Amino acid sequence: PPSPPKPPPLLPGLAVQATGPCMLIDDGACATSPNFPNNYGPNEACTITNVPPTPLVVAAFDVQNHFDYDDSYDPNSIDPSWEGNPAGCGTYDFLEVGDTKYCGTNGPSGAAALNGVITWHSSPRGSTFGGWKVCWV
C-alpha cells in the first residue's frame, strides 16, 4: 500500500489541511474517510495536518480490523505489529492519532492529535467498511 504523504510542517494559525483522498467538512472542523458515508476503498492513504490538540469527537467509526480478514483466526498467535496498538489493528485498515492506531468500531474519541497529525491507511486486501468521521471542535 502507498505510504501516507509526508505532512507539511505545523504552522501556527494555519487551517487544517488534508492530503490524499480524505475530506475536510463542516467548515474544516471535521474530517472523513474517502467516500464517507459510503464505504472507503482499498489501498488508500491520507494525512490530515494542523489538527488542534483538543479531544477528538467521533461522529462515526466503522473500520475493518485484522480479525475481519481471516476466518481461521488463531487466538494463540500474536502479530508483532499489534504491539502498542491495543485495538489489534496491525498494518491493516486504521486511523492513527499520535502513536495509537484505531480500527473496528472503537474510534479515537477523547484522544488528541498532540502533534497535529492524523493519518489514514486502508489495506489493499479485504473488504471495505463504512469509514469514519472525526471532529476536533
N, C-alpha and C. Protein backbone atom coordinates (compact mmCIF):
# COMPACT_ATOMS: atom_id res chain seq x y z
N PRO A 1 0.84 -1.19 0.00
CA PRO A 1 0.00 0.00 0.00
C PRO A 1 0.87 1.24 0.00
N PRO A 2 0.35 2.32 -0.50
CA PRO A 2 1.15 3.55 -0.52
C PRO A 2 1.34 4.08 0.89
N SER A 3 2.46 4.72 1.11
CA SER A 3 2.69 5.37 2.39
C SER A 3 1.92 6.68 2.40
N PRO A 4 1.41 7.09 3.59
CA PRO A 4 0.74 8.39 3.63
C PRO A 4 1.70 9.48 3.20
N PRO A 5 1.21 10.49 2.52
CA PRO A 5 2.08 11.59 2.13
C PRO A 5 2.73 12.22 3.36
N LYS A 6 3.97 12.66 3.21
CA LYS A 6 4.65 13.31 4.32
C LYS A 6 3.92 14.61 4.66
N PRO A 7 3.57 14.79 5.95
CA PRO A 7 2.84 16.00 6.30
C PRO A 7 3.71 17.24 6.20
N PRO A 8 3.11 18.35 5.81
CA PRO A 8 3.86 19.61 5.83
C PRO A 8 4.12 20.02 7.27
N PRO A 9 5.07 20.92 7.50
CA PRO A 9 5.34 21.34 8.87
C PRO A 9 4.12 22.03 9.49
N LEU A 10 3.97 21.85 10.80
CA LEU A 10 2.87 22.51 11.51
C LEU A 10 3.18 23.99 11.64
N LEU A 11 2.26 24.80 11.25
CA LEU A 11 2.45 26.23 11.33
C LEU A 11 1.30 26.85 12.11
N PRO A 12 1.60 27.59 13.16
CA PRO A 12 0.53 28.21 13.95
C PRO A 12 -0.37 29.08 13.08
N GLY A 13 -1.66 29.00 13.33
CA GLY A 13 -2.61 29.84 12.62
C GLY A 13 -3.06 29.29 11.27
N LEU A 14 -2.40 28.24 10.80
CA LEU A 14 -2.80 27.66 9.52
C LEU A 14 -4.04 26.80 9.70
N ALA A 15 -4.87 26.77 8.71
CA ALA A 15 -6.07 25.94 8.75
C ALA A 15 -5.68 24.46 8.65
N VAL A 16 -6.57 23.60 9.12
CA VAL A 16 -6.38 22.17 8.98
C VAL A 16 -6.31 21.85 7.49
N GLN A 17 -5.42 20.94 7.12
CA GLN A 17 -5.24 20.58 5.73
C GLN A 17 -5.29 19.07 5.59
N ALA A 18 -5.74 18.59 4.43
CA ALA A 18 -5.76 17.15 4.15
C ALA A 18 -5.04 16.90 2.83
N THR A 19 -4.15 15.91 2.83
CA THR A 19 -3.52 15.45 1.61
C THR A 19 -4.01 14.03 1.36
N GLY A 20 -4.26 13.68 0.12
CA GLY A 20 -4.81 12.38 -0.19
C GLY A 20 -6.33 12.46 -0.30
N PRO A 21 -7.00 11.32 -0.31
CA PRO A 21 -8.44 11.29 -0.60
C PRO A 21 -9.37 11.59 0.58
N CYS A 22 -8.85 11.83 1.78
CA CYS A 22 -9.74 12.18 2.91
C CYS A 22 -10.36 13.55 2.66
N MET A 23 -11.50 13.79 3.28
CA MET A 23 -12.23 15.04 3.06
C MET A 23 -12.31 15.85 4.34
N LEU A 24 -12.16 17.17 4.22
CA LEU A 24 -12.45 18.09 5.31
C LEU A 24 -13.87 18.60 5.10
N ILE A 25 -14.68 18.57 6.15
CA ILE A 25 -16.07 19.01 6.04
C ILE A 25 -16.42 19.88 7.24
N ASP A 26 -17.65 20.36 7.28
CA ASP A 26 -18.14 21.19 8.39
C ASP A 26 -17.21 22.37 8.64
N ASP A 27 -16.92 23.12 7.59
CA ASP A 27 -16.04 24.29 7.65
C ASP A 27 -14.67 23.98 8.25
N GLY A 28 -14.14 22.79 7.94
CA GLY A 28 -12.81 22.41 8.40
C GLY A 28 -12.76 21.93 9.84
N ALA A 29 -13.91 21.69 10.46
CA ALA A 29 -13.94 21.23 11.85
C ALA A 29 -13.93 19.71 11.96
N CYS A 30 -14.10 19.01 10.83
CA CYS A 30 -14.17 17.55 10.83
C CYS A 30 -13.46 17.01 9.59
N ALA A 31 -13.08 15.74 9.67
CA ALA A 31 -12.53 15.04 8.52
C ALA A 31 -13.25 13.71 8.40
N THR A 32 -13.28 13.19 7.17
CA THR A 32 -13.89 11.89 6.93
C THR A 32 -12.97 11.02 6.09
N SER A 33 -13.24 9.72 6.17
CA SER A 33 -12.57 8.79 5.27
C SER A 33 -13.06 9.06 3.85
N PRO A 34 -12.30 8.63 2.86
CA PRO A 34 -12.73 8.81 1.47
C PRO A 34 -14.09 8.17 1.22
N ASN A 35 -14.95 8.86 0.50
CA ASN A 35 -16.26 8.37 0.08
C ASN A 35 -17.29 8.30 1.20
N PHE A 36 -16.94 8.78 2.40
CA PHE A 36 -17.88 8.75 3.53
C PHE A 36 -19.14 9.54 3.18
N PRO A 37 -20.34 9.07 3.50
CA PRO A 37 -20.68 7.96 4.40
C PRO A 37 -20.75 6.60 3.71
N ASN A 38 -20.34 6.52 2.46
CA ASN A 38 -20.27 5.22 1.80
C ASN A 38 -18.93 4.56 2.13
N ASN A 39 -18.79 3.31 1.76
CA ASN A 39 -17.57 2.58 2.08
C ASN A 39 -16.34 3.23 1.45
N TYR A 40 -15.24 3.25 2.22
CA TYR A 40 -13.96 3.68 1.69
C TYR A 40 -13.42 2.57 0.78
N GLY A 41 -12.39 2.90 0.02
CA GLY A 41 -11.82 1.93 -0.92
C GLY A 41 -10.57 1.27 -0.36
N PRO A 42 -10.07 0.26 -1.06
CA PRO A 42 -8.82 -0.38 -0.65
C PRO A 42 -7.62 0.47 -1.06
N ASN A 43 -6.53 0.26 -0.34
CA ASN A 43 -5.23 0.85 -0.72
C ASN A 43 -5.27 2.38 -0.77
N GLU A 44 -5.84 2.98 0.27
CA GLU A 44 -5.90 4.44 0.36
C GLU A 44 -5.03 4.92 1.52
N ALA A 45 -4.54 6.13 1.39
CA ALA A 45 -3.75 6.73 2.46
C ALA A 45 -3.93 8.24 2.39
N CYS A 46 -4.01 8.87 3.55
CA CYS A 46 -4.05 10.33 3.58
C CYS A 46 -3.54 10.82 4.93
N THR A 47 -3.22 12.10 4.96
CA THR A 47 -2.72 12.74 6.16
C THR A 47 -3.49 14.04 6.38
N ILE A 48 -3.91 14.25 7.61
CA ILE A 48 -4.61 15.48 8.00
C ILE A 48 -3.67 16.21 8.96
N THR A 49 -3.35 17.46 8.64
CA THR A 49 -2.38 18.20 9.44
C THR A 49 -2.99 19.47 10.01
N ASN A 50 -2.26 20.04 10.97
CA ASN A 50 -2.68 21.24 11.70
C ASN A 50 -3.97 21.02 12.48
N VAL A 51 -4.18 19.78 12.92
CA VAL A 51 -5.35 19.46 13.75
C VAL A 51 -5.11 20.04 15.14
N PRO A 52 -6.05 20.80 15.68
CA PRO A 52 -5.87 21.37 17.02
C PRO A 52 -5.68 20.25 18.06
N PRO A 53 -4.85 20.47 19.07
CA PRO A 53 -4.59 19.45 20.09
C PRO A 53 -5.69 19.36 21.14
N THR A 54 -6.92 19.24 20.68
CA THR A 54 -8.07 19.14 21.58
C THR A 54 -8.65 17.73 21.47
N PRO A 55 -9.42 17.28 22.47
CA PRO A 55 -10.01 15.94 22.40
C PRO A 55 -10.88 15.77 21.16
N LEU A 56 -10.69 14.67 20.47
CA LEU A 56 -11.45 14.40 19.25
C LEU A 56 -12.84 13.87 19.59
N VAL A 57 -13.79 14.21 18.75
CA VAL A 57 -15.16 13.71 18.86
C VAL A 57 -15.39 12.81 17.65
N VAL A 58 -15.78 11.58 17.92
CA VAL A 58 -16.03 10.62 16.85
C VAL A 58 -17.52 10.61 16.53
N ALA A 59 -17.87 11.04 15.34
CA ALA A 59 -19.27 11.06 14.91
C ALA A 59 -19.66 9.73 14.29
N ALA A 60 -18.69 9.02 13.69
CA ALA A 60 -18.93 7.70 13.09
C ALA A 60 -17.58 6.99 13.00
N PHE A 61 -17.60 5.67 13.21
CA PHE A 61 -16.36 4.91 13.08
C PHE A 61 -16.67 3.45 12.81
N ASP A 62 -16.36 3.00 11.59
CA ASP A 62 -16.58 1.62 11.18
C ASP A 62 -15.45 1.26 10.22
N VAL A 63 -14.37 0.70 10.76
CA VAL A 63 -13.16 0.43 10.02
C VAL A 63 -12.80 -1.04 10.18
N GLN A 64 -12.47 -1.69 9.10
CA GLN A 64 -12.11 -3.10 9.17
C GLN A 64 -10.91 -3.30 10.07
N ASN A 65 -10.96 -4.37 10.87
CA ASN A 65 -9.80 -4.70 11.69
C ASN A 65 -9.24 -6.05 11.27
N HIS A 66 -8.14 -6.44 11.85
CA HIS A 66 -7.44 -7.67 11.47
C HIS A 66 -8.34 -8.89 11.50
N PHE A 67 -9.19 -9.01 12.50
CA PHE A 67 -9.98 -10.21 12.68
C PHE A 67 -11.02 -10.39 11.58
N ASP A 68 -11.31 -9.36 10.82
CA ASP A 68 -12.26 -9.47 9.72
C ASP A 68 -11.64 -10.11 8.48
N TYR A 69 -10.31 -10.24 8.44
CA TYR A 69 -9.65 -10.73 7.25
C TYR A 69 -9.61 -12.25 7.17
N ASP A 70 -9.52 -12.91 8.31
CA ASP A 70 -9.20 -14.32 8.30
C ASP A 70 -10.13 -15.08 9.22
N ASP A 71 -10.99 -15.89 8.66
CA ASP A 71 -11.92 -16.67 9.47
C ASP A 71 -11.22 -17.74 10.29
N SER A 72 -9.97 -18.04 9.98
CA SER A 72 -9.24 -19.06 10.72
C SER A 72 -8.36 -18.43 11.81
N TYR A 73 -8.77 -17.30 12.36
CA TYR A 73 -8.00 -16.60 13.38
C TYR A 73 -7.61 -17.53 14.52
N ASP A 74 -6.36 -17.55 14.85
CA ASP A 74 -5.84 -18.36 15.95
C ASP A 74 -5.51 -17.42 17.11
N PRO A 75 -6.28 -17.48 18.22
CA PRO A 75 -6.02 -16.56 19.33
C PRO A 75 -4.68 -16.78 20.00
N ASN A 76 -4.01 -17.90 19.69
CA ASN A 76 -2.70 -18.16 20.29
C ASN A 76 -1.55 -17.55 19.49
N SER A 77 -1.85 -17.06 18.30
CA SER A 77 -0.80 -16.42 17.51
C SER A 77 -0.86 -14.91 17.74
N ILE A 78 0.28 -14.31 17.88
CA ILE A 78 0.36 -12.88 18.13
C ILE A 78 1.12 -12.23 16.97
N ASP A 79 0.49 -11.25 16.37
CA ASP A 79 1.11 -10.49 15.29
C ASP A 79 1.94 -9.39 15.94
N PRO A 80 3.27 -9.37 15.75
CA PRO A 80 4.10 -8.35 16.42
C PRO A 80 3.75 -6.92 16.03
N SER A 81 3.07 -6.73 14.90
CA SER A 81 2.71 -5.36 14.50
C SER A 81 1.62 -4.80 15.41
N TRP A 82 1.02 -5.63 16.27
CA TRP A 82 -0.04 -5.16 17.17
C TRP A 82 0.53 -4.45 18.39
N GLU A 83 1.82 -4.65 18.68
CA GLU A 83 2.39 -4.06 19.89
C GLU A 83 2.19 -2.55 19.87
N GLY A 84 1.70 -2.03 20.97
CA GLY A 84 1.44 -0.60 21.09
C GLY A 84 0.12 -0.19 20.48
N ASN A 85 -0.62 -1.15 19.95
CA ASN A 85 -1.91 -0.87 19.34
C ASN A 85 -2.95 -1.81 19.93
N PRO A 86 -3.51 -1.44 21.08
CA PRO A 86 -4.40 -2.35 21.79
C PRO A 86 -5.62 -2.77 21.00
N ALA A 87 -5.98 -2.03 19.97
CA ALA A 87 -7.14 -2.42 19.17
C ALA A 87 -6.81 -3.58 18.25
N GLY A 88 -5.53 -3.97 18.13
CA GLY A 88 -5.15 -5.07 17.25
C GLY A 88 -5.21 -4.71 15.78
N CYS A 89 -4.95 -3.47 15.44
CA CYS A 89 -5.10 -3.04 14.05
C CYS A 89 -3.98 -3.52 13.16
N GLY A 90 -2.82 -3.77 13.72
CA GLY A 90 -1.70 -4.22 12.91
C GLY A 90 -1.42 -3.27 11.77
N THR A 91 -1.22 -3.81 10.59
CA THR A 91 -0.91 -2.99 9.41
C THR A 91 -2.08 -2.97 8.45
N TYR A 92 -3.26 -3.32 8.90
CA TYR A 92 -4.44 -3.35 8.04
C TYR A 92 -5.06 -1.96 7.96
N ASP A 93 -6.37 -1.85 8.05
CA ASP A 93 -7.04 -0.55 7.96
C ASP A 93 -6.98 0.13 9.33
N PHE A 94 -6.58 1.39 9.35
CA PHE A 94 -6.52 2.08 10.64
C PHE A 94 -6.49 3.59 10.45
N LEU A 95 -6.95 4.28 11.49
CA LEU A 95 -6.80 5.71 11.64
C LEU A 95 -5.81 5.89 12.78
N GLU A 96 -4.75 6.65 12.57
CA GLU A 96 -3.71 6.80 13.58
C GLU A 96 -3.71 8.21 14.14
N VAL A 97 -3.78 8.28 15.46
CA VAL A 97 -3.72 9.55 16.20
C VAL A 97 -2.60 9.38 17.21
N GLY A 98 -1.57 10.20 17.11
CA GLY A 98 -0.41 10.01 17.98
C GLY A 98 0.25 8.69 17.60
N ASP A 99 0.53 7.87 18.60
CA ASP A 99 1.15 6.57 18.36
C ASP A 99 0.15 5.44 18.43
N THR A 100 -1.14 5.74 18.40
CA THR A 100 -2.16 4.71 18.53
C THR A 100 -2.96 4.57 17.25
N LYS A 101 -3.12 3.32 16.83
CA LYS A 101 -3.93 3.00 15.65
C LYS A 101 -5.32 2.57 16.12
N TYR A 102 -6.34 3.07 15.43
CA TYR A 102 -7.73 2.74 15.76
C TYR A 102 -8.37 2.02 14.58
N CYS A 103 -9.12 0.95 14.88
CA CYS A 103 -9.82 0.20 13.85
C CYS A 103 -11.05 -0.44 14.49
N GLY A 104 -11.80 -1.21 13.72
CA GLY A 104 -13.03 -1.79 14.25
C GLY A 104 -14.07 -0.70 14.42
N THR A 105 -14.73 -0.71 15.56
CA THR A 105 -15.75 0.31 15.84
C THR A 105 -15.35 1.21 17.00
N ASN A 106 -14.11 1.06 17.49
CA ASN A 106 -13.62 1.89 18.60
C ASN A 106 -12.72 2.98 18.05
N GLY A 107 -13.29 4.13 17.79
CA GLY A 107 -12.54 5.26 17.26
C GLY A 107 -11.79 6.02 18.33
N PRO A 108 -11.11 7.10 17.94
CA PRO A 108 -10.26 7.86 18.86
C PRO A 108 -11.01 8.90 19.69
N SER A 109 -12.18 8.56 20.17
CA SER A 109 -12.97 9.51 20.97
C SER A 109 -12.18 9.94 22.20
N GLY A 110 -12.00 11.26 22.35
CA GLY A 110 -11.28 11.79 23.50
C GLY A 110 -9.78 11.87 23.31
N ALA A 111 -9.24 11.20 22.30
CA ALA A 111 -7.80 11.29 22.03
C ALA A 111 -7.52 12.66 21.42
N ALA A 112 -6.30 13.12 21.57
CA ALA A 112 -5.91 14.41 20.99
C ALA A 112 -4.72 14.20 20.07
N ALA A 113 -4.74 14.86 18.94
CA ALA A 113 -3.63 14.82 17.99
C ALA A 113 -2.60 15.85 18.46
N LEU A 114 -1.83 15.50 19.48
CA LEU A 114 -0.91 16.46 20.09
C LEU A 114 0.16 16.94 19.12
N ASN A 115 0.49 16.11 18.12
CA ASN A 115 1.45 16.54 17.10
C ASN A 115 0.76 17.20 15.91
N GLY A 116 -0.59 17.32 15.98
CA GLY A 116 -1.34 17.98 14.92
C GLY A 116 -1.61 17.12 13.70
N VAL A 117 -1.33 15.81 13.80
CA VAL A 117 -1.42 14.95 12.62
C VAL A 117 -2.32 13.74 12.89
N ILE A 118 -3.19 13.45 11.92
CA ILE A 118 -3.99 12.23 11.90
C ILE A 118 -3.72 11.57 10.56
N THR A 119 -3.46 10.25 10.56
CA THR A 119 -3.22 9.56 9.30
C THR A 119 -4.23 8.44 9.10
N TRP A 120 -4.55 8.16 7.85
CA TRP A 120 -5.48 7.11 7.46
C TRP A 120 -4.77 6.16 6.50
N HIS A 121 -5.06 4.87 6.66
CA HIS A 121 -4.49 3.84 5.79
C HIS A 121 -5.50 2.73 5.64
N SER A 122 -5.76 2.31 4.40
CA SER A 122 -6.56 1.10 4.17
C SER A 122 -5.72 0.11 3.37
N SER A 123 -5.86 -1.14 3.73
CA SER A 123 -5.09 -2.21 3.13
C SER A 123 -5.52 -2.47 1.68
N PRO A 124 -4.64 -3.02 0.87
CA PRO A 124 -5.03 -3.36 -0.50
C PRO A 124 -5.89 -4.62 -0.56
N ARG A 125 -6.05 -5.33 0.56
CA ARG A 125 -6.84 -6.55 0.54
C ARG A 125 -7.96 -6.49 1.57
N GLY A 126 -8.90 -7.37 1.41
CA GLY A 126 -10.01 -7.43 2.35
C GLY A 126 -11.17 -6.56 1.91
N SER A 127 -12.18 -6.54 2.73
CA SER A 127 -13.38 -5.77 2.46
C SER A 127 -13.19 -4.32 2.88
N THR A 128 -14.09 -3.46 2.44
CA THR A 128 -14.09 -2.09 2.92
C THR A 128 -15.35 -1.87 3.75
N PHE A 129 -15.27 -0.92 4.65
CA PHE A 129 -16.36 -0.66 5.58
C PHE A 129 -16.84 0.78 5.43
N GLY A 130 -17.77 1.19 6.31
CA GLY A 130 -18.42 2.49 6.21
C GLY A 130 -17.53 3.69 6.44
N GLY A 131 -16.41 3.51 7.14
CA GLY A 131 -15.47 4.61 7.33
C GLY A 131 -15.67 5.38 8.61
N TRP A 132 -15.23 6.63 8.59
CA TRP A 132 -15.20 7.41 9.83
C TRP A 132 -15.43 8.89 9.56
N LYS A 133 -15.86 9.54 10.63
CA LYS A 133 -15.95 10.99 10.68
C LYS A 133 -15.46 11.40 12.06
N VAL A 134 -14.44 12.25 12.09
CA VAL A 134 -13.81 12.70 13.33
C VAL A 134 -13.79 14.22 13.33
N CYS A 135 -14.15 14.81 14.48
CA CYS A 135 -14.17 16.28 14.60
C CYS A 135 -13.27 16.71 15.76
N TRP A 136 -12.79 17.96 15.69
CA TRP A 136 -11.88 18.48 16.73
C TRP A 136 -12.38 19.76 17.35
N VAL A 137 -13.52 20.26 16.99
CA VAL A 137 -14.07 21.46 17.68
C VAL A 137 -15.55 21.25 17.96
